[in-house]
Amino acid sequence: MLLSNKKIFVITAWLMVIIAAAFMQFGGVKIYDIRPDFMLVVLIVLAGFTDNPFFYFLLVLGGAMLIRVTPLFFDSTATAVGFFSLVSFVVLRRIVWPGLLGVSTLIAGSTIAVYLVIHPYFLLTHPIVVLAELVFNCFLGVLCYEIVRYSCGERV
């Protein structure tokens, strides 16, 4: 029994969200103390492959709940990641260059926006670290984009 592209995408999307949450909660990928915002990257990449806003909202809600570090419902990091992921979903529907270029641009912009919301002082005092994380996030975004594109096709 073969699975349709839509079912493969649903399985791939939830697996990527769970893996991203595990990486963020348990240390994950770190190069010279630079940790990428893996959940933000995964959610923005997945926004480029789904047209169903309800399913995407469930992905964002599930991802935000999994990366909370406080018992509060509104953790600042989780809220910012969720908000900018939803904004990226809307923007990806409106831009002229969807695809890898659009996703990479939104990852870069969202990385800076999350820093502006959560810790603007860090953005000003450590620009090299933020730039390195931005490059790291874009690299992970390209990698995740290719994984989803290979497993599911262009758009589900």
Foldseek 3Di string as FASTA:
>chain_A
DDDALVVLLLVLLVVQLVVLLCLLVPVHDADPNQDANSNLLSLLLSLQAEPDPVSSLVSLQVSLVSNAPDPDSCRLLSVLSSVLSSVSSVVLVPDPDRDLVSSLVSLLVSLVVSCVRPPVVCCVPPVVSSVVNSVVSSVVNVVSNVVSCVRRNRHD
